[in-house]
Amino acid sequence: MEEPQMAVYLQHSKELLKKITDMSKASMSSRPEPGYENMDHFSINVDYVAEMLRTIEFQPEPLGEDEGDGPGDSSEAAADEDRLDSLEVPEAAEDVGPRQKPASSPHGQH
């Protein structure tokens, strides 16, 4: 019985590994120009987006015709309102102001 030939990618693997090794050594020898390694100019300030997301107020969905016309639905609506009231945030906790970034942060605000 004859053995099947070795797969083509296995035949070329040693050559490809040598090329990869050579190229990785070549790219490591060149350094970027001064100033290009600093990525601070890509930083952004998203505090205003975070504040918008914190202040979203979701309104309860109105009951549809199929759901809200039964005689026992008023007690369910009252229970839903009680749950919503217990989830409300006190007024003092709502006004927390903007969050400060730590002074050790290497990124500037833009």
PDB file of N, CA and C in Angstrom:
ATOM      1  N   MET A   1       0.846  -1.199   0.000  1.00  0.00           N
ATOM      2  CA  MET A   1       0.000   0.000   0.000  1.00  0.00           C
ATOM      3  C   MET A   1       0.877   1.243   0.000  1.00  0.00           C
ATOM      4  N   GLU A   2       0.459   2.185  -0.763  1.00  0.00           N
ATOM      5  CA  GLU A   2       1.192   3.445  -0.823  1.00  0.00           C
ATOM      6  C   GLU A   2       0.634   4.417   0.214  1.00  0.00           C
ATOM      7  N   GLU A   3       1.516   5.158   0.845  1.00  0.00           N
ATOM      8  CA  GLU A   3       1.069   6.180   1.785  1.00  0.00           C
ATOM      9  C   GLU A   3       0.671   7.420   1.001  1.00  0.00           C
ATOM     10  N   PRO A   4      -0.401   8.113   1.433  1.00  0.00           N
ATOM     11  CA  PRO A   4      -0.780   9.344   0.721  1.00  0.00           C
ATOM     12  C   PRO A   4       0.297  10.409   0.892  1.00  0.00           C
ATOM     13  N   GLN A   5       0.357  11.274  -0.084  1.00  0.00           N
ATOM     14  CA  GLN A   5       1.359  12.344  -0.023  1.00  0.00           C
ATOM     15  C   GLN A   5       1.051  13.290   1.139  1.00  0.00           C
ATOM     16  N   MET A   6       2.089  13.903   1.640  1.00  0.00           N
ATOM     17  CA  MET A   6       1.960  14.862   2.727  1.00  0.00           C
ATOM     18  C   MET A   6       1.193  16.087   2.211  1.00  0.00           C
ATOM     19  N   ALA A   7       0.369  16.658   3.052  1.00  0.00           N
ATOM     20  CA  ALA A   7      -0.389  17.845   2.654  1.00  0.00           C
ATOM     21  C   ALA A   7       0.564  18.964   2.249  1.00  0.00           C
ATOM     22  N   VAL A   8       0.126  19.780   1.294  1.00  0.00           N
ATOM     23  CA  VAL A   8       0.970  20.841   0.747  1.00  0.00           C
ATOM     24  C   VAL A   8       1.365  21.835   1.835  1.00  0.00           C
ATOM     25  N   TYR A   9       0.433  22.185   2.722  1.00  0.00           N
ATOM     26  CA  TYR A   9       0.768  23.179   3.749  1.00  0.00           C
ATOM     27  C   TYR A   9       1.819  22.644   4.713  1.00  0.00           C
ATOM     28  N   LEU A  10       1.851  21.336   4.929  1.00  0.00           N
ATOM     29  CA  LEU A  10       2.899  20.770   5.782  1.00  0.00           C
ATOM     30  C   LEU A  10       4.256  20.793   5.090  1.00  0.00           C
ATOM     31  N   GLN A  11       4.245  20.633   3.773  1.00  0.00           N
ATOM     32  CA  GLN A  11       5.494  20.668   3.022  1.00  0.00           C
ATOM     33  C   GLN A  11       6.111  22.058   3.061  1.00  0.00           C
ATOM     34  N   HIS A  12       5.262  23.082   3.068  1.00  0.00           N
ATOM     35  CA  HIS A  12       5.753  24.459   3.028  1.00  0.00           C
ATOM     36  C   HIS A  12       5.871  25.095   4.418  1.00  0.00           C
ATOM     37  N   SER A  13       5.529  24.373   5.469  1.00  0.00           N
ATOM     38  CA  SER A  13       5.488  24.977   6.801  1.00  0.00           C
ATOM     39  C   SER A  13       6.854  25.444   7.284  1.00  0.00           C
ATOM     40  N   LYS A  14       7.908  24.674   7.045  1.00  0.00           N
ATOM     41  CA  LYS A  14       9.237  25.089   7.502  1.00  0.00           C
ATOM     42  C   LYS A  14       9.665  26.378   6.814  1.00  0.00           C
ATOM     43  N   GLU A  15       9.393  26.470   5.530  1.00  0.00           N
ATOM     44  CA  GLU A  15       9.748  27.682   4.784  1.00  0.00           C
ATOM     45  C   GLU A  15       8.956  28.890   5.297  1.00  0.00           C
ATOM     46  N   LEU A  16       7.668  28.685   5.553  1.00  0.00           N
ATOM     47  CA  LEU A  16       6.831  29.781   6.047  1.00  0.00           C
ATOM     48  C   LEU A  16       7.251  30.212   7.454  1.00  0.00           C
ATOM     49  N   LEU A  17       7.578  29.262   8.312  1.00  0.00           N
ATOM     50  CA  LEU A  17       8.034  29.613   9.659  1.00  0.00           C
ATOM     51  C   LEU A  17       9.321  30.423   9.613  1.00  0.00           C
ATOM     52  N   LYS A  18      10.212  30.071   8.709  1.00  0.00           N
ATOM     53  CA  LYS A  18      11.462  30.826   8.564  1.00  0.00           C
ATOM     54  C   LYS A  18      11.174  32.254   8.095  1.00  0.00           C
ATOM     55  N   LYS A  19      10.250  32.412   7.138  1.00  0.00           N
ATOM     56  CA  LYS A  19       9.890  33.751   6.651  1.00  0.00           C
ATOM     57  C   LYS A  19       9.263  34.582   7.780  1.00  0.00           C
ATOM     58  N   ILE A  20       8.389  33.959   8.553  1.00  0.00           N
ATOM     59  CA  ILE A  20       7.733  34.675   9.653  1.00  0.00           C
ATOM     60  C   ILE A  20       8.764  35.132  10.676  1.00  0.00           C
ATOM     61  N   THR A  21       9.692  34.258  11.015  1.00  0.00           N
ATOM     62  CA  THR A  21      10.737  34.606  11.981  1.00  0.00           C
ATOM     63  C   THR A  21      11.597  35.752  11.471  1.00  0.00           C
ATOM     64  N   ASP A  22      11.986  35.684  10.199  1.00  0.00           N
ATOM     65  CA  ASP A  22      12.812  36.744   9.613  1.00  0.00           C
ATOM     66  C   ASP A  22      12.075  38.083   9.598  1.00  0.00           C
ATOM     67  N   MET A  23      10.799  38.074   9.236  1.00  0.00           N
ATOM     68  CA  MET A  23      10.028  39.319   9.170  1.00  0.00           C
ATOM     69  C   MET A  23       9.788  39.900  10.566  1.00  0.00           C
ATOM     70  N   SER A  24       9.585  39.052  11.552  1.00  0.00           N
ATOM     71  CA  SER A  24       9.360  39.577  12.902  1.00  0.00           C
ATOM     72  C   SER A  24      10.619  40.235  13.450  1.00  0.00           C
ATOM     73  N   LYS A  25      11.774  39.713  13.102  1.00  0.00           N
ATOM     74  CA  LYS A  25      13.028  40.331  13.536  1.00  0.00           C
ATOM     75  C   LYS A  25      13.250  41.663  12.835  1.00  0.00           C
ATOM     76  N   ALA A  26      12.892  41.746  11.570  1.00  0.00           N
ATOM     77  CA  ALA A  26      13.092  42.978  10.808  1.00  0.00           C
ATOM     78  C   ALA A  26      12.185  44.092  11.318  1.00  0.00           C
ATOM     79  N   SER A  27      10.939  43.789  11.651  1.00  0.00           N
ATOM     80  CA  SER A  27      10.017  44.831  12.097  1.00  0.00           C
ATOM     81  C   SER A  27      10.354  45.319  13.498  1.00  0.00           C
ATOM     82  N   MET A  28      10.992  44.499  14.303  1.00  0.00           N
ATOM     83  CA  MET A  28      11.357  44.906  15.657  1.00  0.00           C
ATOM     84  C   MET A  28      12.531  45.881  15.656  1.00  0.00           C
ATOM     85  N   SER A  29      13.341  45.846  14.615  1.00  0.00           N
ATOM     86  CA  SER A  29      14.530  46.695  14.587  1.00  0.00           C
ATOM     87  C   SER A  29      14.185  48.157  14.306  1.00  0.00           C
ATOM     88  N   SER A  30      13.103  48.417  13.603  1.00  0.00           N
ATOM     89  CA  SER A  30      12.751  49.809  13.299  1.00  0.00           C
ATOM     90  C   SER A  30      11.828  50.355  14.384  1.00  0.00           C
ATOM     91  N   ARG A  31      12.124  51.529  14.859  1.00  0.00           N
ATOM     92  CA  ARG A  31      11.339  52.188  15.901  1.00  0.00           C
ATOM     93  C   ARG A  31      10.510  53.301  15.266  1.00  0.00           C
ATOM     94  N   PRO A  32       9.345  53.606  15.830  1.00  0.00           N
ATOM     95  CA  PRO A  32       8.563  54.721  15.290  1.00  0.00           C
ATOM     96  C   PRO A  32       9.257  56.052  15.553  1.00  0.00           C
ATOM     97  N   GLU A  33       8.913  57.019  14.737  1.00  0.00           N
ATOM     98  CA  GLU A  33       9.484  58.353  14.927  1.00  0.00           C
ATOM     99  C   GLU A  33       9.021  58.911  16.269  1.00  0.00           C
ATOM    100  N   PRO A  34       9.816  59.783  16.883  1.00  0.00           N
ATOM    101  CA  PRO A  34       9.429  60.354  18.178  1.00  0.00           C
ATOM    102  C   PRO A  34       8.065  61.052  18.095  1.00  0.00           C
ATOM    103  N   GLY A  35       7.219  60.795  19.048  1.00  0.00           N
ATOM    104  CA  GLY A  35       5.893  61.395  19.097  1.00  0.00           C
ATOM    105  C   GLY A  35       4.799  60.475  18.583  1.00  0.00           C
ATOM    106  N   TYR A  36       5.134  59.510  17.728  1.00  0.00           N
ATOM    107  CA  TYR A  36       4.124  58.617  17.184  1.00  0.00           C
ATOM    108  C   TYR A  36       3.710  57.524  18.159  1.00  0.00           C
ATOM    109  N   GLU A  37       4.514  57.243  19.161  1.00  0.00           N
ATOM    110  CA  GLU A  37       4.139  56.225  20.134  1.00  0.00           C
ATOM    111  C   GLU A  37       3.154  56.777  21.163  1.00  0.00           C
ATOM    112  N   ASN A  38       2.983  58.086  21.229  1.00  0.00           N
ATOM    113  CA  ASN A  38       2.059  58.720  22.156  1.00  0.00           C
ATOM    114  C   ASN A  38       0.660  58.697  21.546  1.00  0.00           C
ATOM    115  N   MET A  39      -0.288  58.061  22.222  1.00  0.00           N
ATOM    116  CA  MET A  39      -1.644  57.908  21.694  1.00  0.00           C
ATOM    117  C   MET A  39      -2.644  58.850  22.369  1.00  0.00           C
ATOM    118  N   ASP A  40      -2.166  59.853  23.101  1.00  0.00           N
ATOM    119  CA  ASP A  40      -3.068  60.756  23.815  1.00  0.00           C
ATOM    120  C   ASP A  40      -4.018  61.495  22.886  1.00  0.00           C
ATOM    121  N   HIS A  41      -3.623  61.764  21.665  1.00  0.00           N
ATOM    122  CA  HIS A  41      -4.494  62.512  20.759  1.00  0.00           C
ATOM    123  C   HIS A  41      -5.698  61.684  20.319  1.00  0.00           C
ATOM    124  N   PHE A  42      -5.731  60.388  20.647  1.00  0.00           N
ATOM    125  CA  PHE A  42      -6.883  59.560  20.321  1.00  0.00           C
ATOM    126  C   PHE A  42      -7.863  59.439  21.482  1.00  0.00           C
ATOM    127  N   SER A  43      -7.595  60.057  22.626  1.00  0.00           N
ATOM    128  CA  SER A  43      -8.500  59.951  23.764  1.00  0.00           C
ATOM    129  C   SER A  43      -9.665  60.922  23.593  1.00  0.00           C
ATOM    130  N   ILE A  44     -10.829  60.518  24.088  1.00  0.00           N
ATOM    131  CA  ILE A  44     -12.027  61.355  24.001  1.00  0.00           C
ATOM    132  C   ILE A  44     -12.690  61.412  25.375  1.00  0.00           C
ATOM    133  N   ASN A  45     -13.512  62.415  25.556  1.00  0.00           N
ATOM    134  CA  ASN A  45     -14.243  62.589  26.800  1.00  0.00           C
ATOM    135  C   ASN A  45     -15.701  62.213  26.539  1.00  0.00           C
ATOM    136  N   VAL A  46     -16.190  61.177  27.191  1.00  0.00           N
ATOM    137  CA  VAL A  46     -17.560  60.726  27.002  1.00  0.00           C
ATOM    138  C   VAL A  46     -18.402  60.942  28.262  1.00  0.00           C
ATOM    139  N   ASP A  47     -17.964  61.857  29.122  1.00  0.00           N
ATOM    140  CA  ASP A  47     -18.716  62.121  30.348  1.00  0.00           C
ATOM    141  C   ASP A  47     -20.125  62.622  30.049  1.00  0.00           C
ATOM    142  N   TYR A  48     -20.280  63.429  28.991  1.00  0.00           N
ATOM    143  CA  TYR A  48     -21.611  63.949  28.668  1.00  0.00           C
ATOM    144  C   TYR A  48     -22.537  62.820  28.220  1.00  0.00           C
ATOM    145  N   VAL A  49     -22.014  61.804  27.550  1.00  0.00           N
ATOM    146  CA  VAL A  49     -22.829  60.668  27.133  1.00  0.00           C
ATOM    147  C   VAL A  49     -23.234  59.853  28.355  1.00  0.00           C
ATOM    148  N   ALA A  50     -22.310  59.655  29.273  1.00  0.00           N
ATOM    149  CA  ALA A  50     -22.622  58.924  30.500  1.00  0.00           C
ATOM    150  C   ALA A  50     -23.697  59.657  31.294  1.00  0.00           C
ATOM    151  N   GLU A  51     -23.620  60.974  31.342  1.00  0.00           N
ATOM    152  CA  GLU A  51     -24.629  61.761  32.060  1.00  0.00           C
ATOM    153  C   GLU A  51     -25.990  61.636  31.381  1.00  0.00           C
ATOM    154  N   MET A  52     -26.018  61.671  30.045  1.00  0.00           N
ATOM    155  CA  MET A  52     -27.286  61.499  29.326  1.00  0.00           C
ATOM    156  C   MET A  52     -27.892  60.135  29.635  1.00  0.00           C
ATOM    157  N   LEU A  53     -27.084  59.101  29.639  1.00  0.00           N
ATOM    158  CA  LEU A  53     -27.594  57.761  29.916  1.00  0.00           C
ATOM    159  C   LEU A  53     -28.098  57.637  31.348  1.00  0.00           C
ATOM    160  N   ARG A  54     -27.442  58.321  32.287  1.00  0.00           N
ATOM    161  CA  ARG A  54     -27.895  58.271  33.679  1.00  0.00           C
ATOM    162  C   ARG A  54     -29.222  58.994  33.868  1.00  0.00           C
ATOM    163  N   THR A  55     -29.516  59.992  33.045  1.00  0.00           N
ATOM    164  CA  THR A  55     -30.722  60.792  33.251  1.00  0.00           C
ATOM    165  C   THR A  55     -31.911  60.328  32.418  1.00  0.00           C
ATOM    166  N   ILE A  56     -31.784  59.214  31.707  1.00  0.00           N
ATOM    167  CA  ILE A  56     -32.922  58.709  30.929  1.00  0.00           C
ATOM    168  C   ILE A  56     -34.021  58.284  31.896  1.00  0.00           C
ATOM    169  N   GLU A  57     -35.221  58.756  31.639  1.00  0.00           N
ATOM    170  CA  GLU A  57     -36.369  58.369  32.454  1.00  0.00           C
ATOM    171  C   GLU A  57     -37.293  57.532  31.585  1.00  0.00           C
ATOM    172  N   PHE A  58     -37.470  56.283  31.960  1.00  0.00           N
ATOM    173  CA  PHE A  58     -38.336  55.389  31.211  1.00  0.00           C
ATOM    174  C   PHE A  58     -39.750  55.485  31.767  1.00  0.00           C
ATOM    175  N   GLN A  59     -40.712  55.636  30.888  1.00  0.00           N
ATOM    176  CA  GLN A  59     -42.109  55.701  31.288  1.00  0.00           C
ATOM    177  C   GLN A  59     -42.698  54.293  31.227  1.00  0.00           C
ATOM    178  N   PRO A  60     -43.565  53.957  32.181  1.00  0.00           N
ATOM    179  CA  PRO A  60     -44.187  52.631  32.119  1.00  0.00           C
ATOM    180  C   PRO A  60     -45.051  52.519  30.869  1.00  0.00           C
ATOM    181  N   GLU A  61     -45.080  51.341  30.303  1.00  0.00           N
ATOM    182  CA  GLU A  61     -45.843  51.103  29.077  1.00  0.00           C
ATOM    183  C   GLU A  61     -47.331  51.097  29.406  1.00  0.00           C
ATOM    184  N   PRO A  62     -48.141  51.846  28.643  1.00  0.00           N
ATOM    185  CA  PRO A  62     -49.586  51.831  28.913  1.00  0.00           C
ATOM    186  C   PRO A  62     -50.154  50.446  28.602  1.00  0.00           C
ATOM    187  N   LEU A  63     -51.146  50.054  29.388  1.00  0.00           N
ATOM    188  CA  LEU A  63     -51.756  48.749  29.187  1.00  0.00           C
ATOM    189  C   LEU A  63     -52.571  48.749  27.912  1.00  0.00           C
ATOM    190  N   GLY A  64     -52.493  47.674  27.160  1.00  0.00           N
ATOM    191  CA  GLY A  64     -53.245  47.547  25.916  1.00  0.00           C
ATOM    192  C   GLY A  64     -54.672  47.134  26.198  1.00  0.00           C
ATOM    193  N   GLU A  65     -55.483  47.031  25.138  1.00  0.00           N
ATOM    194  CA  GLU A  65     -56.887  46.667  25.299  1.00  0.00           C
ATOM    195  C   GLU A  65     -57.038  45.257  25.843  1.00  0.00           C
ATOM    196  N   ASP A  66     -56.173  44.349  25.422  1.00  0.00           N
ATOM    197  CA  ASP A  66     -56.282  42.964  25.858  1.00  0.00           C
ATOM    198  C   ASP A  66     -55.868  42.794  27.309  1.00  0.00           C
ATOM    199  N   GLU A  67     -54.976  43.639  27.795  1.00  0.00           N
ATOM    200  CA  GLU A  67     -54.410  43.439  29.119  1.00  0.00           C
ATOM    201  C   GLU A  67     -55.138  44.210  30.218  1.00  0.00           C
ATOM    202  N   GLY A  68     -55.663  45.393  29.935  1.00  0.00           N
ATOM    203  CA  GLY A  68     -56.100  46.280  30.995  1.00  0.00           C
ATOM    204  C   GLY A  68     -57.587  46.431  31.187  1.00  0.00           C
ATOM    205  N   ASP A  69     -58.445  45.607  30.584  1.00  0.00           N
ATOM    206  CA  ASP A  69     -59.874  45.840  30.687  1.00  0.00           C
ATOM    207  C   ASP A  69     -60.565  44.947  31.707  1.00  0.00           C
ATOM    208  N   GLY A  70     -59.848  44.043  32.351  1.00  0.00           N
ATOM    209  CA  GLY A  70     -60.466  43.117  33.299  1.00  0.00           C
ATOM    210  C   GLY A  70     -60.764  43.790  34.623  1.00  0.00           C
ATOM    211  N   PRO A  71     -61.698  43.216  35.420  1.00  0.00           N
ATOM    212  CA  PRO A  71     -62.054  43.831  36.698  1.00  0.00           C
ATOM    213  C   PRO A  71     -60.937  43.733  37.731  1.00  0.00           C
ATOM    214  N   GLY A  72     -60.067  42.746  37.670  1.00  0.00           N
ATOM    215  CA  GLY A  72     -59.018  42.590  38.668  1.00  0.00           C
ATOM    216  C   GLY A  72     -57.748  43.335  38.323  1.00  0.00           C
ATOM    217  N   ASP A  73     -57.737  44.080  37.251  1.00  0.00           N
ATOM    218  CA  ASP A  73     -56.523  44.743  36.797  1.00  0.00           C
ATOM    219  C   ASP A  73     -56.143  45.939  37.654  1.00  0.00           C
ATOM    220  N   SER A  74     -57.074  46.532  38.368  1.00  0.00           N
ATOM    221  CA  SER A  74     -56.737  47.715  39.158  1.00  0.00           C
ATOM    222  C   SER A  74     -55.780  47.362  40.291  1.00  0.00           C
ATOM    223  N   SER A  75     -55.913  46.182  40.878  1.00  0.00           N
ATOM    224  CA  SER A  75     -54.998  45.800  41.956  1.00  0.00           C
ATOM    225  C   SER A  75     -53.599  45.538  41.405  1.00  0.00           C
ATOM    226  N   GLU A  76     -53.512  44.983  40.189  1.00  0.00           N
ATOM    227  CA  GLU A  76     -52.205  44.761  39.576  1.00  0.00           C
ATOM    228  C   GLU A  76     -51.533  46.090  39.257  1.00  0.00           C
ATOM    229  N   ALA A  77     -52.299  47.062  38.780  1.00  0.00           N
ATOM    230  CA  ALA A  77     -51.740  48.375  38.466  1.00  0.00           C
ATOM    231  C   ALA A  77     -51.235  49.054  39.733  1.00  0.00           C
ATOM    232  N   ALA A  78     -51.955  48.916  40.826  1.00  0.00           N
ATOM    233  CA  ALA A  78     -51.520  49.512  42.087  1.00  0.00           C
ATOM    234  C   ALA A  78     -50.237  48.850  42.575  1.00  0.00           C
ATOM    235  N   ALA A  79     -50.123  47.541  42.401  1.00  0.00           N
ATOM    236  CA  ALA A  79     -48.903  46.837  42.806  1.00  0.00           C
ATOM    237  C   ALA A  79     -47.724  47.290  41.949  1.00  0.00           C
ATOM    238  N   ASP A  80     -47.974  47.504  40.651  1.00  0.00           N
ATOM    239  CA  ASP A  80     -46.911  47.993  39.768  1.00  0.00           C
ATOM    240  C   ASP A  80     -46.449  49.380  40.194  1.00  0.00           C
ATOM    241  N   GLU A  81     -47.398  50.255  40.557  1.00  0.00           N
ATOM    242  CA  GLU A  81     -47.037  51.604  40.993  1.00  0.00           C
ATOM    243  C   GLU A  81     -46.228  51.554  42.285  1.00  0.00           C
ATOM    244  N   ASP A  82     -46.593  50.653  43.201  1.00  0.00           N
ATOM    245  CA  ASP A  82     -45.842  50.521  44.449  1.00  0.00           C
ATOM    246  C   ASP A  82     -44.409  50.089  44.176  1.00  0.00           C
ATOM    247  N   ARG A  83     -44.231  49.158  43.231  1.00  0.00           N
ATOM    248  CA  ARG A  83     -42.880  48.718  42.888  1.00  0.00           C
ATOM    249  C   ARG A  83     -42.085  49.861  42.277  1.00  0.00           C
ATOM    250  N   LEU A  84     -42.710  50.664  41.417  1.00  0.00           N
ATOM    251  CA  LEU A  84     -42.021  51.796  40.804  1.00  0.00           C
ATOM    252  C   LEU A  84     -41.648  52.836  41.849  1.00  0.00           C
ATOM    253  N   ASP A  85     -42.540  53.082  42.814  1.00  0.00           N
ATOM    254  CA  ASP A  85     -42.247  54.056  43.864  1.00  0.00           C
ATOM    255  C   ASP A  85     -41.063  53.608  44.717  1.00  0.00           C
ATOM    256  N   SER A  86     -40.957  52.309  44.958  1.00  0.00           N
ATOM    257  CA  SER A  86     -39.851  51.824  45.781  1.00  0.00           C
ATOM    258  C   SER A  86     -38.521  51.910  45.045  1.00  0.00           C
ATOM    259  N   LEU A  87     -38.552  51.991  43.717  1.00  0.00           N
ATOM    260  CA  LEU A  87     -37.322  52.070  42.932  1.00  0.00           C
ATOM    261  C   LEU A  87     -36.843  53.500  42.712  1.00  0.00           C
ATOM    262  N   GLU A  88     -37.659  54.500  43.039  1.00  0.00           N
ATOM    263  CA  GLU A  88     -37.272  55.886  42.794  1.00  0.00           C
ATOM    264  C   GLU A  88     -36.075  56.270  43.645  1.00  0.00           C
ATOM    265  N   VAL A  89     -35.224  57.114  43.075  1.00  0.00           N
ATOM    266  CA  VAL A  89     -34.016  57.565  43.756  1.00  0.00           C
ATOM    267  C   VAL A  89     -34.340  58.839  44.523  1.00  0.00           C
ATOM    268  N   PRO A  90     -33.882  58.978  45.760  1.00  0.00           N
ATOM    269  CA  PRO A  90     -34.106  60.227  46.501  1.00  0.00           C
ATOM    270  C   PRO A  90     -33.457  61.399  45.772  1.00  0.00           C
ATOM    271  N   GLU A  91     -34.011  62.593  45.983  1.00  0.00           N
ATOM    272  CA  GLU A  91     -33.532  63.773  45.261  1.00  0.00           C
ATOM    273  C   GLU A  91     -32.067  64.061  45.541  1.00  0.00           C
ATOM    274  N   ALA A  92     -31.605  63.852  46.744  1.00  0.00           N
ATOM    275  CA  ALA A  92     -30.210  64.141  47.083  1.00  0.00           C
ATOM    276  C   ALA A  92     -29.262  63.230  46.316  1.00  0.00           C
ATOM    277  N   ALA A  93     -29.677  62.020  46.029  1.00  0.00           N
ATOM    278  CA  ALA A  93     -28.803  61.077  45.321  1.00  0.00           C
ATOM    279  C   ALA A  93     -28.769  61.364  43.824  1.00  0.00           C
ATOM    280  N   GLU A  94     -29.788  62.045  43.288  1.00  0.00           N
ATOM    281  CA  GLU A  94     -29.823  62.310  41.851  1.00  0.00           C
ATOM    282  C   GLU A  94     -28.779  63.327  41.437  1.00  0.00           C
ATOM    283  N   ASP A  95     -28.514  64.336  42.267  1.00  0.00           N
ATOM    284  CA  ASP A  95     -27.601  65.410  41.891  1.00  0.00           C
ATOM    285  C   ASP A  95     -26.207  65.080  42.406  1.00  0.00           C
ATOM    286  N   VAL A  96     -25.508  64.206  41.695  1.00  0.00           N
ATOM    287  CA  VAL A  96     -24.173  63.823  42.132  1.00  0.00           C
ATOM    288  C   VAL A  96     -23.098  64.618  41.423  1.00  0.00           C
ATOM    289  N   GLY A  97     -23.431  65.335  40.380  1.00  0.00           N
ATOM    290  CA  GLY A  97     -22.465  66.157  39.664  1.00  0.00           C
ATOM    291  C   GLY A  97     -21.582  65.325  38.759  1.00  0.00           C
ATOM    292  N   PRO A  98     -20.710  65.976  38.022  1.00  0.00           N
ATOM    293  CA  PRO A  98     -19.832  65.231  37.110  1.00  0.00           C
ATOM    294  C   PRO A  98     -18.787  64.441  37.883  1.00  0.00           C
ATOM    295  N   ARG A  99     -18.429  63.300  37.343  1.00  0.00           N
ATOM    296  CA  ARG A  99     -17.423  62.473  37.994  1.00  0.00           C
ATOM    297  C   ARG A  99     -16.045  62.983  37.638  1.00  0.00           C
ATOM    298  N   GLN A 100     -15.170  62.995  38.610  1.00  0.00           N
ATOM    299  CA  GLN A 100     -13.806  63.455  38.395  1.00  0.00           C
ATOM    300  C   GLN A 100     -12.929  62.275  38.031  1.00  0.00           C
ATOM    301  N   LYS A 101     -12.018  62.481  37.076  1.00  0.00           N
ATOM    302  CA  LYS A 101     -11.061  61.444  36.718  1.00  0.00           C
ATOM    303  C   LYS A 101      -9.904  61.502  37.701  1.00  0.00           C
ATOM    304  N   PRO A 102      -9.274  60.364  37.975  1.00  0.00           N
ATOM    305  CA  PRO A 102      -8.128  60.380  38.883  1.00  0.00           C
ATOM    306  C   PRO A 102      -6.980  61.187  38.297  1.00  0.00           C
ATOM    307  N   ALA A 103      -6.219  61.815  39.169  1.00  0.00           N
ATOM    308  CA  ALA A 103      -5.128  62.679  38.726  1.00  0.00           C
ATOM    309  C   ALA A 103      -4.019  61.891  38.066  1.00  0.00           C
ATOM    310  N   SER A 104      -3.932  60.591  38.320  1.00  0.00           N
ATOM    311  CA  SER A 104      -2.859  59.783  37.757  1.00  0.00           C
ATOM    312  C   SER A 104      -3.143  59.334  36.337  1.00  0.00           C
ATOM    313  N   SER A 105      -4.276  59.719  35.767  1.00  0.00           N
ATOM    314  CA  SER A 105      -4.625  59.300  34.411  1.00  0.00           C
ATOM    315  C   SER A 105      -3.670  59.917  33.401  1.00  0.00           C
ATOM    316  N   PRO A 106      -3.047  59.092  32.528  1.00  0.00           N
ATOM    317  CA  PRO A 106      -2.089  59.632  31.556  1.00  0.00           C
ATOM    318  C   PRO A 106      -2.760  60.275  30.352  1.00  0.00           C
ATOM    319  N   HIS A 107      -4.067  60.133  30.207  1.00  0.00           N
ATOM    320  CA  HIS A 107      -4.753  60.660  29.029  1.00  0.00           C
ATOM    321  C   HIS A 107      -5.316  62.044  29.314  1.00  0.00           C
ATOM    322  N   GLY A 108      -5.186  62.921  28.362  1.00  0.00           N
ATOM    323  CA  GLY A 108      -5.745  64.259  28.495  1.00  0.00           C
ATOM    324  C   GLY A 108      -7.169  64.290  28.010  1.00  0.00           C
ATOM    325  N   GLN A 109      -7.906  65.310  28.415  1.00  0.00           N
ATOM    326  CA  GLN A 109      -9.283  65.454  27.958  1.00  0.00           C
ATOM    327  C   GLN A 109      -9.307  66.366  26.748  1.00  0.00           C
ATOM    328  N   HIS A 110     -10.085  65.993  25.742  1.00  0.00           N
ATOM    329  CA  HIS A 110     -10.210  66.796  24.520  1.00  0.00           C
ATOM    330  C   HIS A 110     -11.652  67.043  24.225  1.00  0.00           C
TER     331      HIS A 110
END
